[in-house]
Amino acid sequence: MLKALLSLTRPANLVTAIADVLAGMAIAGYFGVYDPAPVPVGWLCLATVGLYGGGVVFNDVFDAELDAVERPERPIPSGVIPKSTAILLGTVLFLIGISASFAVNQTAGLLAIGITVASLVYDKFGKHHNLLGPVNMGLCRGLNLLLGISIIPDQVMPWAWVGVVPIAYIAAITMISRGEVHGGSPTTLRFAGILYALVIGCLAALAQQQQQLGTALPFLLLFGYYIFPPLWRAVKEPVGQNIGLAVRAGVLSLIVMNAAWVAAFASFPLALLVFCLLPLSRLLAKVFAVT
């Protein structure tokens, strides 16, 4: 029962959400402040776990009937977890996320509400639209990056535009994931690859602007190494298994992308610390589903 409840929250993905907010804090310049307070960092890490967890739980709630046909082994359609229990879990997680955000400041709290709304809109409506769905899902991640930036509230507006980068990246992953069950289109997969390349190029340009390209480059190279080979295999043979592996690689590699953000805006040691979340996420991915 406990493992089934945990599986609804996608534990491996929760680690990537924590990496998001750490990257946002680096962009805001929080780690450049002398002796930054650890308490707000802890609150925002808890907040993103609650918000992301709530979002993926409600994703399974709304997909229960479809999963009963396509993925009957999942906790809700298999009957291991009643839908009412899942709804309660998702609601509690959202409330934890919003409350923890308001404990930091009002800006963070309002962003948390925005993430909650965007998540529910995606879960119920957005995923069914070819264009809106990927953008909607990307918006959740973009707002999550801004949640990290909100640790210094007056930095949110100057850096709000960087939320476009995770929007593009997650949109690409969402496009790929459409073929996870029945197979996908090579054209769609190639377009996702173009978005991947644009994301890496944008990160490299920002690192250069911050005069930190040399620091960020190792993480950008690793990022490309982790995401492109699985995608290429899916392009050559767009069957469900290959597409699932490409999606899994894309999601877990968010940690590497976030390490690149930290390297571009903070320091190599801090970026390496974020990168070290990857083994934890991969370990959890062996036990719990990522997609």
Protein backbone atom coordinates (compact mmCIF):
# COMPACT_ATOMS: atom_id res chain seq x y z
CA MET A 1 0.00 0.00 0.00
CA LEU A 2 2.75 2.47 0.98
CA LYS A 3 4.81 1.67 -2.12
CA ALA A 4 1.71 2.11 -4.28
CA LEU A 5 1.02 5.51 -2.72
CA LEU A 6 4.62 6.56 -3.26
CA SER A 7 4.50 5.36 -6.87
CA LEU A 8 1.64 7.78 -7.54
CA THR A 9 4.00 10.68 -6.73
CA ARG A 10 6.78 9.51 -9.12
CA PRO A 11 9.61 9.75 -6.51
CA ALA A 12 12.37 9.86 -9.13
CA ASN A 13 10.69 12.89 -10.72
CA LEU A 14 10.35 14.66 -7.37
CA VAL A 15 14.14 14.85 -7.20
CA THR A 16 14.18 16.65 -10.56
CA ALA A 17 11.67 19.19 -9.17
CA ILE A 18 14.03 19.94 -6.28
CA ALA A 19 16.80 20.51 -8.82
CA ASP A 20 14.50 23.02 -10.57
CA VAL A 21 14.14 25.25 -7.54
CA LEU A 22 17.85 25.03 -6.72
CA ALA A 23 18.58 26.21 -10.25
CA GLY A 24 16.12 29.07 -9.78
CA MET A 25 17.86 30.11 -6.58
CA ALA A 26 21.17 30.21 -8.45
CA ILE A 27 19.65 32.38 -11.20
CA ALA A 28 18.32 34.77 -8.54
CA GLY A 29 21.84 35.07 -7.13
CA TYR A 30 20.84 33.65 -3.76
CA PHE A 31 23.95 31.53 -3.40
CA GLY A 32 26.09 34.59 -4.09
CA VAL A 33 24.72 36.20 -0.93
CA TYR A 34 27.03 35.95 2.03
CA ASP A 35 25.84 33.15 4.32
CA PRO A 36 22.46 32.48 2.63
CA ALA A 37 19.79 31.29 5.06
CA PRO A 38 19.06 27.55 4.68
CA VAL A 39 15.46 27.74 5.99
CA PRO A 40 13.90 29.27 2.84
CA VAL A 41 15.80 26.72 0.75
CA GLY A 42 14.24 23.92 2.78
CA TRP A 43 10.74 25.39 2.53
CA LEU A 44 10.95 25.74 -1.25
CA CYS A 45 12.32 22.20 -1.67
CA LEU A 46 9.38 20.92 0.39
CA ALA A 47 7.03 23.12 -1.63
CA THR A 48 8.13 21.77 -4.99
CA VAL A 49 7.85 18.18 -3.76
CA GLY A 50 4.27 18.87 -2.70
CA LEU A 51 3.33 20.68 -5.89
CA TYR A 52 4.90 18.19 -8.27
CA GLY A 53 3.61 15.24 -6.27
CA GLY A 54 0.09 16.65 -6.24
CA GLY A 55 0.22 17.24 -9.97
CA VAL A 56 1.24 13.71 -10.91
CA VAL A 57 -1.20 12.14 -8.45
CA PHE A 58 -4.10 14.01 -10.04
CA ASN A 59 -2.75 13.03 -13.45
CA ASP A 60 -3.39 9.40 -12.51
CA VAL A 61 -6.75 10.29 -10.98
CA PHE A 62 -7.99 11.86 -14.21
CA ASP A 63 -6.45 9.06 -16.30
CA ALA A 64 -7.91 6.21 -14.23
CA GLU A 65 -10.37 5.04 -16.90
CA LEU A 66 -7.81 5.25 -19.72
CA ASP A 67 -5.18 3.50 -17.61
CA ALA A 68 -7.66 0.70 -16.92
CA VAL A 69 -7.33 -0.10 -20.64
CA GLU A 70 -3.74 0.88 -21.45
CA ARG A 71 -1.93 0.45 -18.11
CA PRO A 72 -4.11 -1.69 -15.84
CA GLU A 73 -1.16 -2.44 -13.56
CA ARG A 74 -1.10 1.12 -12.19
CA PRO A 75 -2.23 1.63 -8.57
CA ILE A 76 -5.66 3.16 -9.23
CA PRO A 77 -6.99 0.94 -12.07
CA SER A 78 -5.54 -2.17 -10.39
CA GLY A 79 -7.60 -1.38 -7.29
CA VAL A 80 -4.60 -1.17 -4.95
CA ILE A 81 -5.32 2.51 -4.29
CA PRO A 82 -8.97 3.74 -4.28
CA LYS A 83 -9.50 6.84 -6.37
CA SER A 84 -10.85 8.69 -3.30
CA THR A 85 -7.57 8.00 -1.47
CA ALA A 86 -5.56 9.28 -4.42
CA ILE A 87 -7.65 12.47 -4.53
CA LEU A 88 -7.02 13.03 -0.83
CA LEU A 89 -3.29 12.43 -1.27
CA GLY A 90 -3.06 14.85 -4.21
CA THR A 91 -5.02 17.53 -2.34
CA VAL A 92 -2.83 17.23 0.77
CA LEU A 93 0.33 17.45 -1.34
CA PHE A 94 -0.92 20.60 -3.10
CA LEU A 95 -1.78 22.19 0.26
CA ILE A 96 1.67 21.35 1.60
CA GLY A 97 3.26 22.90 -1.48
CA ILE A 98 1.24 26.11 -1.27
CA SER A 99 1.66 26.47 2.50
CA ALA A 100 5.42 25.89 2.36
CA SER A 101 5.71 28.50 -0.41
CA PHE A 102 3.82 31.13 1.56
CA ALA A 103 6.16 30.38 4.49
CA VAL A 104 8.94 31.85 2.32
CA ASN A 105 7.15 34.91 0.94
CA GLN A 106 3.96 35.99 -0.82
CA THR A 107 5.51 35.87 -4.29
CA ALA A 108 6.45 32.22 -3.80
CA GLY A 109 2.96 31.48 -2.51
CA LEU A 110 1.27 33.03 -5.53
CA LEU A 111 3.58 31.11 -7.86
CA ALA A 112 2.67 27.90 -6.02
CA ILE A 113 -1.01 28.60 -6.63
CA GLY A 114 -0.18 29.20 -10.30
CA ILE A 115 1.66 25.86 -10.49
CA THR A 116 -1.30 24.10 -8.87
CA VAL A 117 -3.77 25.59 -11.35
CA ALA A 118 -1.50 24.88 -14.33
CA SER A 119 -1.04 21.27 -13.18
CA LEU A 120 -4.75 20.63 -12.77
CA VAL A 121 -5.55 22.25 -16.12
CA TYR A 122 -3.00 19.98 -17.78
CA ASP A 123 -4.21 16.87 -15.96
CA LYS A 124 -7.85 17.44 -16.85
CA PHE A 125 -7.75 19.25 -20.20
CA GLY A 126 -4.31 20.19 -21.54
CA LYS A 127 -2.96 16.71 -22.17
CA HIS A 128 -5.71 16.10 -24.72
CA HIS A 129 -4.55 18.96 -26.98
CA ASN A 130 -1.66 18.45 -29.40
CA LEU A 131 -0.33 22.01 -29.05
CA LEU A 132 -1.73 23.21 -25.73
CA GLY A 133 -0.74 20.03 -23.89
CA PRO A 134 3.06 20.22 -24.29
CA VAL A 135 3.08 23.98 -23.65
CA ASN A 136 0.84 23.57 -20.60
CA MET A 137 3.11 20.88 -19.16
CA GLY A 138 6.16 23.00 -19.88
CA LEU A 139 4.52 25.94 -18.11
CA CYS A 140 4.41 23.89 -14.90
CA ARG A 141 8.19 23.43 -15.04
CA GLY A 142 8.80 27.03 -16.05
CA LEU A 143 6.82 28.23 -13.04
CA ASN A 144 8.74 25.77 -10.87
CA LEU A 145 12.00 27.39 -11.96
CA LEU A 146 10.51 30.79 -11.07
CA LEU A 147 9.50 29.35 -7.70
CA GLY A 148 13.18 28.94 -6.97
CA ILE A 149 13.94 32.45 -8.20
CA SER A 150 11.23 33.79 -5.86
CA ILE A 151 13.51 33.17 -2.90
CA ILE A 152 14.57 36.75 -3.74
CA PRO A 153 11.17 38.17 -4.82
CA ASP A 154 12.44 41.21 -6.71
CA GLN A 155 14.43 38.93 -9.05
CA VAL A 156 11.34 37.16 -10.41
CA MET A 157 10.32 39.79 -12.95
CA PRO A 158 13.82 40.44 -14.38
CA TRP A 159 14.37 36.70 -14.88
CA ALA A 160 10.80 35.59 -15.66
CA TRP A 161 11.67 35.09 -19.32
CA VAL A 162 14.09 32.23 -18.56
CA GLY A 163 11.01 30.14 -17.75
CA VAL A 164 10.65 29.76 -21.53
CA VAL A 165 13.65 27.39 -21.56
CA PRO A 166 12.11 24.63 -19.40
CA ILE A 167 8.79 25.22 -21.18
CA ALA A 168 10.48 24.35 -24.50
CA TYR A 169 12.30 21.37 -23.02
CA ILE A 170 9.30 19.86 -21.26
CA ALA A 171 7.15 20.52 -24.33
CA ALA A 172 9.62 18.41 -26.29
CA ILE A 173 9.45 15.57 -23.76
CA THR A 174 5.65 15.74 -23.70
CA MET A 175 5.53 15.54 -27.49
CA ILE A 176 7.76 12.46 -27.38
CA SER A 177 5.66 10.82 -24.66
CA ARG A 178 2.53 10.88 -26.84
CA GLY A 179 3.86 7.75 -28.58
CA GLU A 180 4.82 5.87 -25.46
CA VAL A 181 1.96 3.37 -25.64
CA HIS A 182 1.23 2.94 -29.36
CA GLY A 183 4.43 4.19 -30.98
CA GLY A 184 5.32 7.61 -32.31
CA SER A 185 6.09 9.68 -35.38
CA PRO A 186 9.75 10.13 -36.47
CA THR A 187 8.87 13.67 -37.58
CA THR A 188 7.61 14.57 -34.11
CA LEU A 189 10.68 13.01 -32.53
CA ARG A 190 13.00 14.97 -34.82
CA PHE A 191 11.20 18.21 -33.97
CA ALA A 192 11.67 17.38 -30.28
CA GLY A 193 15.39 16.95 -31.01
CA ILE A 194 15.48 20.45 -32.52
CA LEU A 195 13.89 21.82 -29.34
CA TYR A 196 16.53 19.96 -27.28
CA ALA A 197 19.28 21.60 -29.34
CA LEU A 198 17.72 25.05 -28.94
CA VAL A 199 17.55 24.57 -25.16
CA ILE A 200 21.25 23.65 -25.00
CA GLY A 201 22.12 26.60 -27.23
CA CYS A 202 20.14 29.00 -25.03
CA LEU A 203 21.80 27.71 -21.87
CA ALA A 204 25.22 28.07 -23.49
CA ALA A 205 24.42 31.65 -24.53
CA LEU A 206 23.28 32.55 -21.00
CA ALA A 207 26.40 30.97 -19.52
CA GLN A 208 28.52 33.01 -21.92
CA GLN A 209 26.61 36.16 -20.93
CA GLN A 210 27.43 35.41 -17.30
CA GLN A 211 31.07 34.74 -18.30
CA GLN A 212 30.64 31.18 -16.99
CA LEU A 213 30.59 29.16 -20.21
CA GLY A 214 33.71 27.21 -19.25
CA THR A 215 32.07 26.27 -15.94
CA ALA A 216 28.78 25.23 -17.53
CA LEU A 217 30.21 23.45 -20.58
CA PRO A 218 30.90 20.05 -18.92
CA PHE A 219 27.28 19.90 -17.73
CA LEU A 220 25.94 20.96 -21.12
CA LEU A 221 27.97 18.22 -22.82
CA LEU A 222 26.70 15.65 -20.32
CA PHE A 223 23.17 16.92 -20.85
CA GLY A 224 23.45 16.29 -24.58
CA TYR A 225 25.05 12.90 -23.99
CA TYR A 226 22.15 11.77 -21.82
CA ILE A 227 19.24 12.99 -23.97
CA PHE A 228 20.23 12.60 -27.63
CA PRO A 229 21.21 8.90 -27.96
CA PRO A 230 17.90 7.56 -26.55
CA LEU A 231 16.01 10.02 -28.74
CA TRP A 232 17.95 8.95 -31.82
CA ARG A 233 17.16 5.28 -31.13
CA ALA A 234 13.48 6.23 -30.92
CA VAL A 235 13.71 8.12 -34.22
CA LYS A 236 15.21 5.07 -35.95
CA GLU A 237 12.67 2.71 -34.39
CA PRO A 238 9.69 4.67 -32.95
CA VAL A 239 8.16 1.84 -30.94
CA GLY A 240 6.69 2.29 -27.47
CA GLN A 241 9.66 0.83 -25.60
CA ASN A 242 12.22 3.10 -27.27
CA ILE A 243 10.01 6.13 -26.82
CA GLY A 244 9.53 5.29 -23.15
CA LEU A 245 13.30 5.14 -22.68
CA ALA A 246 13.69 8.50 -24.45
CA VAL A 247 11.06 10.05 -22.17
CA ARG A 248 12.72 8.57 -19.08
CA ALA A 249 16.11 9.93 -20.13
CA GLY A 250 14.62 13.35 -20.83
CA VAL A 251 12.91 13.59 -17.45
CA LEU A 252 15.86 12.41 -15.37
CA SER A 253 18.25 14.63 -17.36
CA LEU A 254 16.40 17.67 -16.05
CA ILE A 255 18.83 17.37 -13.15
CA VAL A 256 21.78 17.77 -15.53
CA MET A 257 20.10 20.77 -17.16
CA ASN A 258 19.57 22.33 -13.76
CA ALA A 259 23.20 21.67 -12.86
CA ALA A 260 24.11 23.62 -15.99
CA TRP A 261 21.92 26.53 -14.79
CA VAL A 262 23.73 26.50 -11.45
CA ALA A 263 27.12 26.37 -13.16
CA ALA A 264 26.14 29.33 -15.34
CA PHE A 265 24.91 31.50 -12.48
CA ALA A 266 26.75 30.28 -9.37
CA SER A 267 29.76 27.95 -9.16
CA PHE A 268 31.09 24.57 -10.24
CA PRO A 269 30.96 23.01 -6.73
CA LEU A 270 27.29 23.95 -6.32
CA ALA A 271 26.53 22.66 -9.80
CA LEU A 272 28.27 19.40 -8.96
CA LEU A 273 26.14 19.15 -5.82
CA VAL A 274 22.97 19.45 -7.92
CA PHE A 275 24.35 16.94 -10.42
CA CYS A 276 24.80 14.46 -7.55
CA LEU A 277 20.99 14.30 -7.31
CA LEU A 278 21.06 12.32 -10.57
CA PRO A 279 22.21 9.00 -9.04
CA LEU A 280 19.45 9.30 -6.43
CA SER A 281 16.85 9.95 -9.11
CA ARG A 282 18.10 7.04 -11.21
CA LEU A 283 18.03 4.74 -8.19
CA LEU A 284 14.42 5.69 -7.48
CA ALA A 285 13.61 5.22 -11.17
CA LYS A 286 14.57 1.54 -10.83
CA VAL A 287 11.93 1.10 -8.14
CA PHE A 288 9.18 3.50 -9.26
CA ALA A 289 7.80 4.45 -12.67
CA VAL A 290 9.00 7.73 -14.19
CA THR A 291 6.20 8.15 -16.73
